[in-house]
Amino acid sequence: MKEFFANPDLGLIGLLFFFIFFCTIFLWTFRPGAKGKYQEHANIPLDENEAETK
């Protein structure tokens, strides 16, 4: 088991995995159609109509 965790290739695989994961999240967040959705979500606490109905 010690040899498995001492494998130098695992560090590179982990680095590549997290780099690809970070790039995917970045692209998903800044995709062209997301701006309107994020603006709607940002205004939820300020929406008075929703607060009055509850």
PDB file of N, CA and C in Angstrom:
ATOM      1  N   MET A   1       0.822  -1.188   0.000  1.00  0.00           N
ATOM      2  CA  MET A   1       0.000   0.000   0.000  1.00  0.00           C
ATOM      3  C   MET A   1       0.867   1.253   0.000  1.00  0.00           C
ATOM      4  N   LYS A   2       2.014   1.183   0.662  1.00  0.00           N
ATOM      5  CA  LYS A   2       2.918   2.325   0.712  1.00  0.00           C
ATOM      6  C   LYS A   2       3.413   2.704  -0.681  1.00  0.00           C
ATOM      7  N   GLU A   3       3.639   1.699  -1.501  1.00  0.00           N
ATOM      8  CA  GLU A   3       4.133   1.967  -2.851  1.00  0.00           C
ATOM      9  C   GLU A   3       3.087   2.693  -3.692  1.00  0.00           C
ATOM     10  N   PHE A   4       1.831   2.421  -3.420  1.00  0.00           N
ATOM     11  CA  PHE A   4       0.763   3.069  -4.178  1.00  0.00           C
ATOM     12  C   PHE A   4       0.751   4.576  -3.926  1.00  0.00           C
ATOM     13  N   PHE A   5       0.854   4.980  -2.662  1.00  0.00           N
ATOM     14  CA  PHE A   5       0.804   6.400  -2.321  1.00  0.00           C
ATOM     15  C   PHE A   5       2.121   7.112  -2.602  1.00  0.00           C
ATOM     16  N   ALA A   6       3.197   6.387  -2.759  1.00  0.00           N
ATOM     17  CA  ALA A   6       4.494   6.987  -3.060  1.00  0.00           C
ATOM     18  C   ALA A   6       4.721   7.110  -4.566  1.00  0.00           C
ATOM     19  N   ASN A   7       3.751   6.741  -5.360  1.00  0.00           N
ATOM     20  CA  ASN A   7       3.877   6.796  -6.804  1.00  0.00           C
ATOM     21  C   ASN A   7       3.899   8.261  -7.269  1.00  0.00           C
ATOM     22  N   PRO A   8       4.966   8.699  -7.943  1.00  0.00           N
ATOM     23  CA  PRO A   8       5.042  10.111  -8.362  1.00  0.00           C
ATOM     24  C   PRO A   8       4.031  10.477  -9.446  1.00  0.00           C
ATOM     25  N   ASP A   9       3.516   9.494 -10.162  1.00  0.00           N
ATOM     26  CA  ASP A   9       2.525   9.792 -11.199  1.00  0.00           C
ATOM     27  C   ASP A   9       1.185  10.222 -10.617  1.00  0.00           C
ATOM     28  N   LEU A  10       0.897   9.834  -9.394  1.00  0.00           N
ATOM     29  CA  LEU A  10      -0.379  10.199  -8.788  1.00  0.00           C
ATOM     30  C   LEU A  10      -0.474  11.708  -8.543  1.00  0.00           C
ATOM     31  N   GLY A  11       0.630  12.349  -8.260  1.00  0.00           N
ATOM     32  CA  GLY A  11       0.622  13.795  -8.078  1.00  0.00           C
ATOM     33  C   GLY A  11       0.248  14.507  -9.363  1.00  0.00           C
ATOM     34  N   LEU A  12       0.776  14.050 -10.469  1.00  0.00           N
ATOM     35  CA  LEU A  12       0.456  14.639 -11.766  1.00  0.00           C
ATOM     36  C   LEU A  12      -1.001  14.377 -12.133  1.00  0.00           C
ATOM     37  N   ILE A  13      -1.472  13.191 -11.866  1.00  0.00           N
ATOM     38  CA  ILE A  13      -2.872  12.867 -12.155  1.00  0.00           C
ATOM     39  C   ILE A  13      -3.803  13.743 -11.313  1.00  0.00           C
ATOM     40  N   GLY A  14      -3.491  13.917 -10.057  1.00  0.00           N
ATOM     41  CA  GLY A  14      -4.298  14.783  -9.194  1.00  0.00           C
ATOM     42  C   GLY A  14      -4.277  16.226  -9.660  1.00  0.00           C
ATOM     43  N   LEU A  15      -3.108  16.710 -10.049  1.00  0.00           N
ATOM     44  CA  LEU A  15      -2.985  18.076 -10.550  1.00  0.00           C
ATOM     45  C   LEU A  15      -3.834  18.268 -11.803  1.00  0.00           C
ATOM     46  N   LEU A  16      -3.753  17.332 -12.732  1.00  0.00           N
ATOM     47  CA  LEU A  16      -4.551  17.426 -13.953  1.00  0.00           C
ATOM     48  C   LEU A  16      -6.046  17.349 -13.664  1.00  0.00           C
ATOM     49  N   PHE A  17      -6.427  16.472 -12.753  1.00  0.00           N
ATOM     50  CA  PHE A  17      -7.837  16.345 -12.394  1.00  0.00           C
ATOM     51  C   PHE A  17      -8.380  17.651 -11.839  1.00  0.00           C
ATOM     52  N   PHE A  18      -7.688  18.264 -10.881  1.00  0.00           N
ATOM     53  CA  PHE A  18      -8.182  19.492 -10.275  1.00  0.00           C
ATOM     54  C   PHE A  18      -8.091  20.680 -11.227  1.00  0.00           C
ATOM     55  N   PHE A  19      -7.119  20.696 -12.116  1.00  0.00           N
ATOM     56  CA  PHE A  19      -7.039  21.759 -13.111  1.00  0.00           C
ATOM     57  C   PHE A  19      -8.225  21.682 -14.074  1.00  0.00           C
ATOM     58  N   ILE A  20      -8.536  20.482 -14.541  1.00  0.00           N
ATOM     59  CA  ILE A  20      -9.688  20.304 -15.430  1.00  0.00           C
ATOM     60  C   ILE A  20     -10.986  20.628 -14.701  1.00  0.00           C
ATOM     61  N   PHE A  21     -11.091  20.218 -13.455  1.00  0.00           N
ATOM     62  CA  PHE A  21     -12.276  20.530 -12.648  1.00  0.00           C
ATOM     63  C   PHE A  21     -12.435  22.037 -12.487  1.00  0.00           C
ATOM     64  N   PHE A  22     -11.350  22.753 -12.168  1.00  0.00           N
ATOM     65  CA  PHE A  22     -11.396  24.199 -12.005  1.00  0.00           C
ATOM     66  C   PHE A  22     -11.798  24.880 -13.308  1.00  0.00           C
ATOM     67  N   CYS A  23     -11.223  24.456 -14.418  1.00  0.00           N
ATOM     68  CA  CYS A  23     -11.557  25.045 -15.723  1.00  0.00           C
ATOM     69  C   CYS A  23     -13.024  24.808 -16.072  1.00  0.00           C
ATOM     70  N   THR A  24     -13.533  23.634 -15.756  1.00  0.00           N
ATOM     71  CA  THR A  24     -14.936  23.316 -16.025  1.00  0.00           C
ATOM     72  C   THR A  24     -15.861  24.218 -15.213  1.00  0.00           C
ATOM     73  N   ILE A  25     -15.577  24.377 -13.933  1.00  0.00           N
ATOM     74  CA  ILE A  25     -16.400  25.239 -13.083  1.00  0.00           C
ATOM     75  C   ILE A  25     -16.315  26.685 -13.563  1.00  0.00           C
ATOM     76  N   PHE A  26     -15.132  27.129 -13.942  1.00  0.00           N
ATOM     77  CA  PHE A  26     -14.950  28.494 -14.436  1.00  0.00           C
ATOM     78  C   PHE A  26     -15.775  28.723 -15.699  1.00  0.00           C
ATOM     79  N   LEU A  27     -15.693  27.800 -16.646  1.00  0.00           N
ATOM     80  CA  LEU A  27     -16.444  27.954 -17.890  1.00  0.00           C
ATOM     81  C   LEU A  27     -17.951  27.871 -17.653  1.00  0.00           C
ATOM     82  N   TRP A  28     -18.383  27.019 -16.734  1.00  0.00           N
ATOM     83  CA  TRP A  28     -19.805  26.904 -16.420  1.00  0.00           C
ATOM     84  C   TRP A  28     -20.325  28.199 -15.787  1.00  0.00           C
ATOM     85  N   THR A  29     -19.517  28.815 -14.933  1.00  0.00           N
ATOM     86  CA  THR A  29     -19.938  30.033 -14.258  1.00  0.00           C
ATOM     87  C   THR A  29     -20.021  31.213 -15.213  1.00  0.00           C
ATOM     88  N   PHE A  30     -19.081  31.329 -16.119  1.00  0.00           N
ATOM     89  CA  PHE A  30     -19.023  32.486 -17.007  1.00  0.00           C
ATOM     90  C   PHE A  30     -19.532  32.193 -18.413  1.00  0.00           C
ATOM     91  N   ARG A  31     -20.420  31.206 -18.541  1.00  0.00           N
ATOM     92  CA  ARG A  31     -20.988  30.934 -19.856  1.00  0.00           C
ATOM     93  C   ARG A  31     -21.910  32.081 -20.260  1.00  0.00           C
ATOM     94  N   PRO A  32     -22.122  32.286 -21.548  1.00  0.00           N
ATOM     95  CA  PRO A  32     -22.870  33.458 -22.023  1.00  0.00           C
ATOM     96  C   PRO A  32     -24.308  33.564 -21.503  1.00  0.00           C
ATOM     97  N   GLY A  33     -25.030  32.487 -21.356  1.00  0.00           N
ATOM     98  CA  GLY A  33     -26.428  32.570 -20.964  1.00  0.00           C
ATOM     99  C   GLY A  33     -26.681  32.647 -19.478  1.00  0.00           C
ATOM    100  N   ALA A  34     -25.666  32.676 -18.664  1.00  0.00           N
ATOM    101  CA  ALA A  34     -25.848  32.588 -17.217  1.00  0.00           C
ATOM    102  C   ALA A  34     -26.048  33.939 -16.535  1.00  0.00           C
ATOM    103  N   LYS A  35     -25.734  35.030 -17.188  1.00  0.00           N
ATOM    104  CA  LYS A  35     -25.775  36.333 -16.530  1.00  0.00           C
ATOM    105  C   LYS A  35     -27.179  36.675 -16.023  1.00  0.00           C
ATOM    106  N   GLY A  36     -28.179  36.463 -16.835  1.00  0.00           N
ATOM    107  CA  GLY A  36     -29.546  36.768 -16.417  1.00  0.00           C
ATOM    108  C   GLY A  36     -29.992  35.927 -15.233  1.00  0.00           C
ATOM    109  N   LYS A  37     -29.619  34.675 -15.260  1.00  0.00           N
ATOM    110  CA  LYS A  37     -29.981  33.775 -14.163  1.00  0.00           C
ATOM    111  C   LYS A  37     -29.335  34.224 -12.854  1.00  0.00           C
ATOM    112  N   TYR A  38     -28.067  34.610 -12.912  1.00  0.00           N
ATOM    113  CA  TYR A  38     -27.376  35.061 -11.703  1.00  0.00           C
ATOM    114  C   TYR A  38     -27.939  36.385 -11.201  1.00  0.00           C
ATOM    115  N   GLN A  39     -28.377  37.259 -12.096  1.00  0.00           N
ATOM    116  CA  GLN A  39     -28.982  38.519 -11.671  1.00  0.00           C
ATOM    117  C   GLN A  39     -30.317  38.268 -10.973  1.00  0.00           C
ATOM    118  N   GLU A  40     -31.089  37.314 -11.472  1.00  0.00           N
ATOM    119  CA  GLU A  40     -32.343  36.951 -10.805  1.00  0.00           C
ATOM    120  C   GLU A  40     -32.075  36.417  -9.402  1.00  0.00           C
ATOM    121  N   HIS A  41     -31.077  35.574  -9.276  1.00  0.00           N
ATOM    122  CA  HIS A  41     -30.743  35.002  -7.968  1.00  0.00           C
ATOM    123  C   HIS A  41     -30.219  36.078  -7.018  1.00  0.00           C
ATOM    124  N   ALA A  42     -29.521  37.057  -7.534  1.00  0.00           N
ATOM    125  CA  ALA A  42     -28.981  38.120  -6.686  1.00  0.00           C
ATOM    126  C   ALA A  42     -30.076  39.008  -6.126  1.00  0.00           C
ATOM    127  N   ASN A  43     -31.200  39.109  -6.811  1.00  0.00           N
ATOM    128  CA  ASN A  43     -32.283  39.989  -6.375  1.00  0.00           C
ATOM    129  C   ASN A  43     -33.310  39.290  -5.490  1.00  0.00           C
ATOM    130  N   ILE A  44     -33.134  38.041  -5.187  1.00  0.00           N
ATOM    131  CA  ILE A  44     -34.099  37.313  -4.363  1.00  0.00           C
ATOM    132  C   ILE A  44     -34.293  37.975  -2.989  1.00  0.00           C
ATOM    133  N   PRO A  45     -33.247  38.360  -2.271  1.00  0.00           N
ATOM    134  CA  PRO A  45     -33.482  38.987  -0.963  1.00  0.00           C
ATOM    135  C   PRO A  45     -34.163  40.350  -1.063  1.00  0.00           C
ATOM    136  N   LEU A  46     -34.100  41.001  -2.210  1.00  0.00           N
ATOM    137  CA  LEU A  46     -34.657  42.337  -2.366  1.00  0.00           C
ATOM    138  C   LEU A  46     -36.069  42.328  -2.937  1.00  0.00           C
ATOM    139  N   ASP A  47     -36.574  41.176  -3.291  1.00  0.00           N
ATOM    140  CA  ASP A  47     -37.889  41.085  -3.901  1.00  0.00           C
ATOM    141  C   ASP A  47     -38.962  41.223  -2.831  1.00  0.00           C
ATOM    142  N   GLU A  48     -39.675  42.355  -2.829  1.00  0.00           N
ATOM    143  CA  GLU A  48     -40.674  42.618  -1.793  1.00  0.00           C
ATOM    144  C   GLU A  48     -41.947  41.815  -2.016  1.00  0.00           C
ATOM    145  N   ASN A  49     -42.297  41.523  -3.244  1.00  0.00           N
ATOM    146  CA  ASN A  49     -43.529  40.783  -3.521  1.00  0.00           C
ATOM    147  C   ASN A  49     -43.497  39.384  -2.927  1.00  0.00           C
ATOM    148  N   GLU A  50     -42.381  38.726  -2.996  1.00  0.00           N
ATOM    149  CA  GLU A  50     -42.261  37.392  -2.427  1.00  0.00           C
ATOM    150  C   GLU A  50     -42.342  37.430  -0.908  1.00  0.00           C
ATOM    151  N   ALA A  51     -41.770  38.440  -0.285  1.00  0.00           N
ATOM    152  CA  ALA A  51     -41.737  38.522   1.178  1.00  0.00           C
ATOM    153  C   ALA A  51     -43.122  38.807   1.726  1.00  0.00           C
ATOM    154  N   GLU A  52     -43.959  39.551   1.007  1.00  0.00           N
ATOM    155  CA  GLU A  52     -45.287  39.892   1.502  1.00  0.00           C
ATOM    156  C   GLU A  52     -46.240  38.702   1.450  1.00  0.00           C
ATOM    157  N   THR A  53     -46.035  37.794   0.527  1.00  0.00           N
ATOM    158  CA  THR A  53     -46.950  36.665   0.388  1.00  0.00           C
ATOM    159  C   THR A  53     -46.701  35.580   1.411  1.00  0.00           C
ATOM    160  N   LYS A  54     -45.591  35.581   2.080  1.00  0.00           N
ATOM    161  CA  LYS A  54     -45.294  34.517   3.050  1.00  0.00           C
ATOM    162  C   LYS A  54     -45.770  34.841   4.421  1.00  0.00           C
TER     163      LYS A  54
END
